[in-house]
């Protein structure tokens, strides 16, 4: 999961990278599993969403929102919380962004 995901991420194939990281995380222990895989999954999902335009962009951020919230709940870093705020704003979840 992580090696293939990192290779895909490096090639900017963010959707493929997200799938690899999610599969690796789920095989290891399910949602909320290994923090490194969750972090890379979120980064790939956010990068994919950033590359979308219009309604597809908002939809991609909305799909990323639960994974980003899961990361932010277990990671106190500024990066995790900034990603959570960006994702919530872009998804139109203003109350989540405010939190």
N, C-alpha and C. Protein backbone atom coordinates (compact mmCIF):
# COMPACT_ATOMS: atom_id res chain seq x y z
N UNK A 1 0.78 -1.20 0.00
CA UNK A 1 0.00 0.00 0.00
C UNK A 1 0.82 1.26 0.00
N UNK A 2 1.74 1.42 0.96
CA UNK A 2 2.42 2.71 1.08
C UNK A 2 3.44 2.93 -0.02
N UNK A 3 4.19 1.91 -0.42
CA UNK A 3 5.20 2.09 -1.47
C UNK A 3 4.54 2.45 -2.79
N UNK A 4 3.50 1.72 -3.16
CA UNK A 4 2.79 2.01 -4.41
C UNK A 4 2.12 3.38 -4.32
N UNK A 5 1.59 3.72 -3.16
CA UNK A 5 0.94 5.01 -2.97
C UNK A 5 1.92 6.15 -3.09
N UNK A 6 3.10 5.99 -2.49
CA UNK A 6 4.11 7.05 -2.57
C UNK A 6 4.60 7.23 -4.00
N UNK A 7 4.74 6.11 -4.73
CA UNK A 7 5.16 6.20 -6.13
C UNK A 7 4.10 6.94 -6.95
N UNK A 8 2.85 6.61 -6.74
CA UNK A 8 1.77 7.29 -7.47
C UNK A 8 1.70 8.76 -7.08
N UNK A 9 1.86 9.04 -5.80
CA UNK A 9 1.82 10.43 -5.32
C UNK A 9 2.94 11.24 -5.96
N UNK A 10 4.13 10.65 -6.03
CA UNK A 10 5.27 11.35 -6.63
C UNK A 10 5.03 11.66 -8.10
N UNK A 11 4.24 10.82 -8.76
CA UNK A 11 3.92 11.03 -10.17
C UNK A 11 2.66 11.88 -10.33
N UNK A 12 2.16 12.42 -9.24
CA UNK A 12 0.96 13.26 -9.21
C UNK A 12 -0.30 12.54 -9.67
N UNK A 13 -0.29 11.23 -9.49
CA UNK A 13 -1.49 10.43 -9.74
C UNK A 13 -2.22 10.32 -8.40
N UNK A 14 -2.82 11.43 -7.96
CA UNK A 14 -3.35 11.52 -6.61
C UNK A 14 -4.51 10.58 -6.34
N UNK A 15 -5.38 10.34 -7.32
CA UNK A 15 -6.49 9.42 -7.12
C UNK A 15 -5.96 8.00 -6.90
N UNK A 16 -5.00 7.60 -7.71
CA UNK A 16 -4.39 6.28 -7.56
C UNK A 16 -3.67 6.17 -6.22
N UNK A 17 -2.95 7.23 -5.85
CA UNK A 17 -2.24 7.23 -4.57
C UNK A 17 -3.22 7.08 -3.41
N UNK A 18 -4.33 7.81 -3.46
CA UNK A 18 -5.33 7.73 -2.39
C UNK A 18 -5.87 6.32 -2.26
N UNK A 19 -6.12 5.66 -3.39
CA UNK A 19 -6.62 4.28 -3.36
C UNK A 19 -5.59 3.36 -2.72
N UNK A 20 -4.32 3.52 -3.08
CA UNK A 20 -3.26 2.68 -2.50
C UNK A 20 -3.15 2.89 -1.00
N UNK A 21 -3.17 4.16 -0.57
CA UNK A 21 -3.05 4.44 0.87
C UNK A 21 -4.26 3.91 1.63
N UNK A 22 -5.46 4.07 1.07
CA UNK A 22 -6.67 3.58 1.73
C UNK A 22 -6.64 2.06 1.84
N UNK A 23 -6.23 1.39 0.77
CA UNK A 23 -6.15 -0.08 0.79
C UNK A 23 -5.11 -0.54 1.81
N UNK A 24 -3.97 0.14 1.85
CA UNK A 24 -2.94 -0.22 2.82
C UNK A 24 -3.39 -0.01 4.25
N UNK A 25 -4.08 1.10 4.47
CA UNK A 25 -4.60 1.39 5.81
C UNK A 25 -5.63 0.35 6.22
N UNK A 26 -6.55 0.04 5.31
CA UNK A 26 -7.62 -0.90 5.63
C UNK A 26 -7.06 -2.30 5.87
N UNK A 27 -6.04 -2.67 5.11
CA UNK A 27 -5.43 -3.99 5.29
C UNK A 27 -4.71 -4.06 6.64
N UNK A 28 -4.15 -2.92 7.07
CA UNK A 28 -3.40 -2.90 8.33
C UNK A 28 -4.31 -2.93 9.54
N UNK A 29 -5.36 -2.11 9.53
CA UNK A 29 -6.24 -2.11 10.70
C UNK A 29 -7.52 -1.33 10.52
N UNK A 30 -7.86 -0.93 9.32
CA UNK A 30 -9.11 -0.23 9.09
C UNK A 30 -9.00 1.26 9.30
N UNK A 31 -10.11 1.98 9.13
CA UNK A 31 -10.12 3.44 9.27
C UNK A 31 -9.53 3.89 10.60
N UNK A 32 -8.73 4.92 10.54
CA UNK A 32 -8.06 5.39 11.75
C UNK A 32 -6.84 4.57 12.06
N UNK A 33 -6.43 3.74 11.11
CA UNK A 33 -5.29 2.84 11.28
C UNK A 33 -3.97 3.57 11.34
N UNK A 34 -2.94 2.98 10.77
CA UNK A 34 -1.61 3.57 10.89
C UNK A 34 -1.61 5.06 10.55
N UNK A 35 -1.11 5.89 11.47
CA UNK A 35 -1.17 7.34 11.27
C UNK A 35 -0.46 7.80 9.99
N UNK A 36 0.64 7.14 9.63
CA UNK A 36 1.35 7.58 8.42
C UNK A 36 0.50 7.34 7.18
N UNK A 37 -0.20 6.21 7.12
CA UNK A 37 -1.05 5.94 5.96
C UNK A 37 -2.25 6.89 5.94
N UNK A 38 -2.81 7.19 7.08
CA UNK A 38 -3.94 8.14 7.14
C UNK A 38 -3.48 9.52 6.68
N UNK A 39 -2.31 9.92 7.10
CA UNK A 39 -1.78 11.22 6.72
C UNK A 39 -1.56 11.29 5.21
N UNK A 40 -0.96 10.26 4.64
CA UNK A 40 -0.71 10.25 3.19
C UNK A 40 -2.02 10.14 2.42
N UNK A 41 -2.97 9.39 2.94
CA UNK A 41 -4.28 9.29 2.31
C UNK A 41 -4.92 10.68 2.22
N UNK A 42 -4.88 11.42 3.31
CA UNK A 42 -5.45 12.76 3.35
C UNK A 42 -4.73 13.68 2.37
N UNK A 43 -3.40 13.64 2.36
CA UNK A 43 -2.64 14.48 1.44
C UNK A 43 -3.02 14.18 -0.02
N UNK A 44 -3.17 12.91 -0.35
CA UNK A 44 -3.53 12.54 -1.72
C UNK A 44 -4.94 13.01 -2.06
N UNK A 45 -5.88 12.83 -1.13
CA UNK A 45 -7.26 13.26 -1.37
C UNK A 45 -7.35 14.77 -1.54
N UNK A 46 -6.61 15.52 -0.72
CA UNK A 46 -6.64 16.97 -0.80
C UNK A 46 -5.98 17.44 -2.10
N UNK A 47 -4.87 16.82 -2.47
CA UNK A 47 -4.23 17.20 -3.73
C UNK A 47 -5.14 16.90 -4.92
N UNK A 48 -5.83 15.78 -4.88
CA UNK A 48 -6.77 15.44 -5.94
C UNK A 48 -7.87 16.51 -6.01
N UNK A 49 -8.41 16.87 -4.85
CA UNK A 49 -9.48 17.86 -4.80
C UNK A 49 -9.00 19.22 -5.30
N UNK A 50 -7.79 19.59 -4.94
CA UNK A 50 -7.25 20.88 -5.38
C UNK A 50 -7.16 20.95 -6.91
N UNK A 51 -6.98 19.80 -7.55
CA UNK A 51 -6.85 19.76 -9.00
C UNK A 51 -8.17 19.79 -9.74
N UNK A 52 -9.27 19.66 -9.02
CA UNK A 52 -10.59 19.67 -9.66
C UNK A 52 -11.08 21.11 -9.86
N UNK A 53 -12.11 21.25 -10.67
CA UNK A 53 -12.66 22.58 -10.98
C UNK A 53 -14.17 22.57 -10.74
N UNK A 54 -14.70 23.71 -10.31
CA UNK A 54 -16.15 23.88 -10.16
C UNK A 54 -16.77 22.93 -9.16
N UNK A 55 -17.92 22.35 -9.55
CA UNK A 55 -18.64 21.46 -8.65
C UNK A 55 -17.86 20.19 -8.33
N UNK A 56 -17.04 19.75 -9.28
CA UNK A 56 -16.21 18.56 -9.04
C UNK A 56 -15.24 18.81 -7.89
N UNK A 57 -14.76 20.05 -7.79
CA UNK A 57 -13.84 20.42 -6.72
C UNK A 57 -14.54 20.33 -5.36
N UNK A 58 -15.71 20.93 -5.26
CA UNK A 58 -16.46 20.89 -4.00
C UNK A 58 -16.81 19.45 -3.63
N UNK A 59 -17.18 18.65 -4.61
CA UNK A 59 -17.51 17.24 -4.36
C UNK A 59 -16.30 16.46 -3.88
N UNK A 60 -15.15 16.71 -4.50
CA UNK A 60 -13.92 16.01 -4.10
C UNK A 60 -13.53 16.38 -2.67
N UNK A 61 -13.68 17.67 -2.33
CA UNK A 61 -13.38 18.07 -0.95
C UNK A 61 -14.40 17.46 0.03
N UNK A 62 -15.65 17.38 -0.37
CA UNK A 62 -16.68 16.78 0.49
C UNK A 62 -16.37 15.30 0.74
N UNK A 63 -15.89 14.60 -0.29
CA UNK A 63 -15.52 13.19 -0.12
C UNK A 63 -14.30 13.03 0.78
N UNK A 64 -13.41 14.01 0.74
CA UNK A 64 -12.21 13.96 1.58
C UNK A 64 -12.49 14.33 3.03
N UNK A 65 -13.56 15.06 3.27
CA UNK A 65 -13.83 15.61 4.60
C UNK A 65 -13.83 14.58 5.73
N UNK A 66 -14.48 13.43 5.61
CA UNK A 66 -14.44 12.48 6.73
C UNK A 66 -13.03 11.97 7.04
N UNK A 67 -12.24 11.74 6.00
CA UNK A 67 -10.87 11.25 6.21
C UNK A 67 -10.00 12.33 6.86
N UNK A 68 -10.19 13.58 6.43
CA UNK A 68 -9.43 14.69 7.00
C UNK A 68 -9.83 14.90 8.45
N UNK A 69 -11.12 14.81 8.75
CA UNK A 69 -11.59 14.97 10.12
C UNK A 69 -11.03 13.87 11.01
N UNK A 70 -10.95 12.65 10.48
CA UNK A 70 -10.38 11.53 11.24
C UNK A 70 -8.92 11.79 11.55
N UNK A 71 -8.19 12.30 10.58
CA UNK A 71 -6.78 12.63 10.83
C UNK A 71 -6.66 13.72 11.88
N UNK A 72 -7.42 14.80 11.74
CA UNK A 72 -7.34 15.92 12.67
C UNK A 72 -7.70 15.51 14.09
N UNK A 73 -8.60 14.53 14.23
CA UNK A 73 -9.00 14.07 15.55
C UNK A 73 -7.87 13.33 16.27
N UNK A 74 -6.95 12.77 15.50
CA UNK A 74 -5.86 11.98 16.10
C UNK A 74 -4.49 12.63 15.93
N UNK A 75 -4.43 13.77 15.26
CA UNK A 75 -3.15 14.43 14.99
C UNK A 75 -3.29 15.90 15.37
N UNK A 76 -2.56 16.31 16.38
CA UNK A 76 -2.67 17.68 16.89
C UNK A 76 -1.81 18.67 16.12
N UNK A 77 -1.16 18.22 15.04
CA UNK A 77 -0.27 19.13 14.31
C UNK A 77 -1.04 20.23 13.61
N UNK A 78 -0.35 21.34 13.40
CA UNK A 78 -0.96 22.46 12.69
C UNK A 78 -1.33 22.06 11.27
N UNK A 79 -0.49 21.26 10.62
CA UNK A 79 -0.77 20.83 9.24
C UNK A 79 -2.10 20.09 9.15
N UNK A 80 -2.34 19.17 10.06
CA UNK A 80 -3.59 18.39 10.03
C UNK A 80 -4.79 19.30 10.19
N UNK A 81 -4.70 20.28 11.07
CA UNK A 81 -5.84 21.17 11.31
C UNK A 81 -6.03 22.19 10.19
N UNK A 82 -4.93 22.61 9.56
CA UNK A 82 -5.06 23.48 8.40
C UNK A 82 -5.70 22.74 7.23
N UNK A 83 -5.30 21.48 7.03
CA UNK A 83 -5.93 20.67 5.98
C UNK A 83 -7.41 20.47 6.27
N UNK A 84 -7.74 20.27 7.54
CA UNK A 84 -9.15 20.09 7.91
C UNK A 84 -9.95 21.36 7.63
N UNK A 85 -9.38 22.51 7.96
CA UNK A 85 -10.08 23.78 7.72
C UNK A 85 -10.23 24.04 6.23
N UNK A 86 -9.16 23.83 5.47
CA UNK A 86 -9.22 24.03 4.01
C UNK A 86 -10.28 23.12 3.39
N UNK A 87 -10.28 21.86 3.80
CA UNK A 87 -11.21 20.89 3.24
C UNK A 87 -12.65 21.26 3.58
N UNK A 88 -12.88 21.62 4.83
CA UNK A 88 -14.24 21.99 5.24
C UNK A 88 -14.72 23.23 4.50
N UNK A 89 -13.87 24.25 4.36
CA UNK A 89 -14.26 25.46 3.63
C UNK A 89 -14.58 25.14 2.18
N UNK A 90 -13.71 24.38 1.53
CA UNK A 90 -13.91 24.06 0.12
C UNK A 90 -15.13 23.18 -0.10
N UNK A 91 -15.48 22.38 0.91
CA UNK A 91 -16.64 21.50 0.81
C UNK A 91 -17.94 22.23 1.19
N UNK A 92 -17.80 23.46 1.69
CA UNK A 92 -18.98 24.22 2.11
C UNK A 92 -19.47 23.86 3.50
N UNK A 93 -18.64 23.17 4.26
CA UNK A 93 -19.00 22.78 5.63
C UNK A 93 -18.43 23.83 6.59
N UNK A 94 -19.10 24.99 6.61
CA UNK A 94 -18.55 26.14 7.32
C UNK A 94 -18.45 25.95 8.82
N UNK A 95 -19.38 25.23 9.43
CA UNK A 95 -19.31 25.00 10.86
C UNK A 95 -18.12 24.12 11.20
N UNK A 96 -17.83 23.14 10.34
CA UNK A 96 -16.65 22.29 10.54
C UNK A 96 -15.37 23.10 10.41
N UNK A 97 -15.35 24.01 9.44
CA UNK A 97 -14.17 24.85 9.23
C UNK A 97 -13.94 25.76 10.42
N UNK A 98 -15.01 26.29 10.97
CA UNK A 98 -14.89 27.17 12.13
C UNK A 98 -14.31 26.43 13.32
N UNK A 99 -14.72 25.18 13.49
CA UNK A 99 -14.20 24.38 14.61
C UNK A 99 -12.73 24.12 14.44
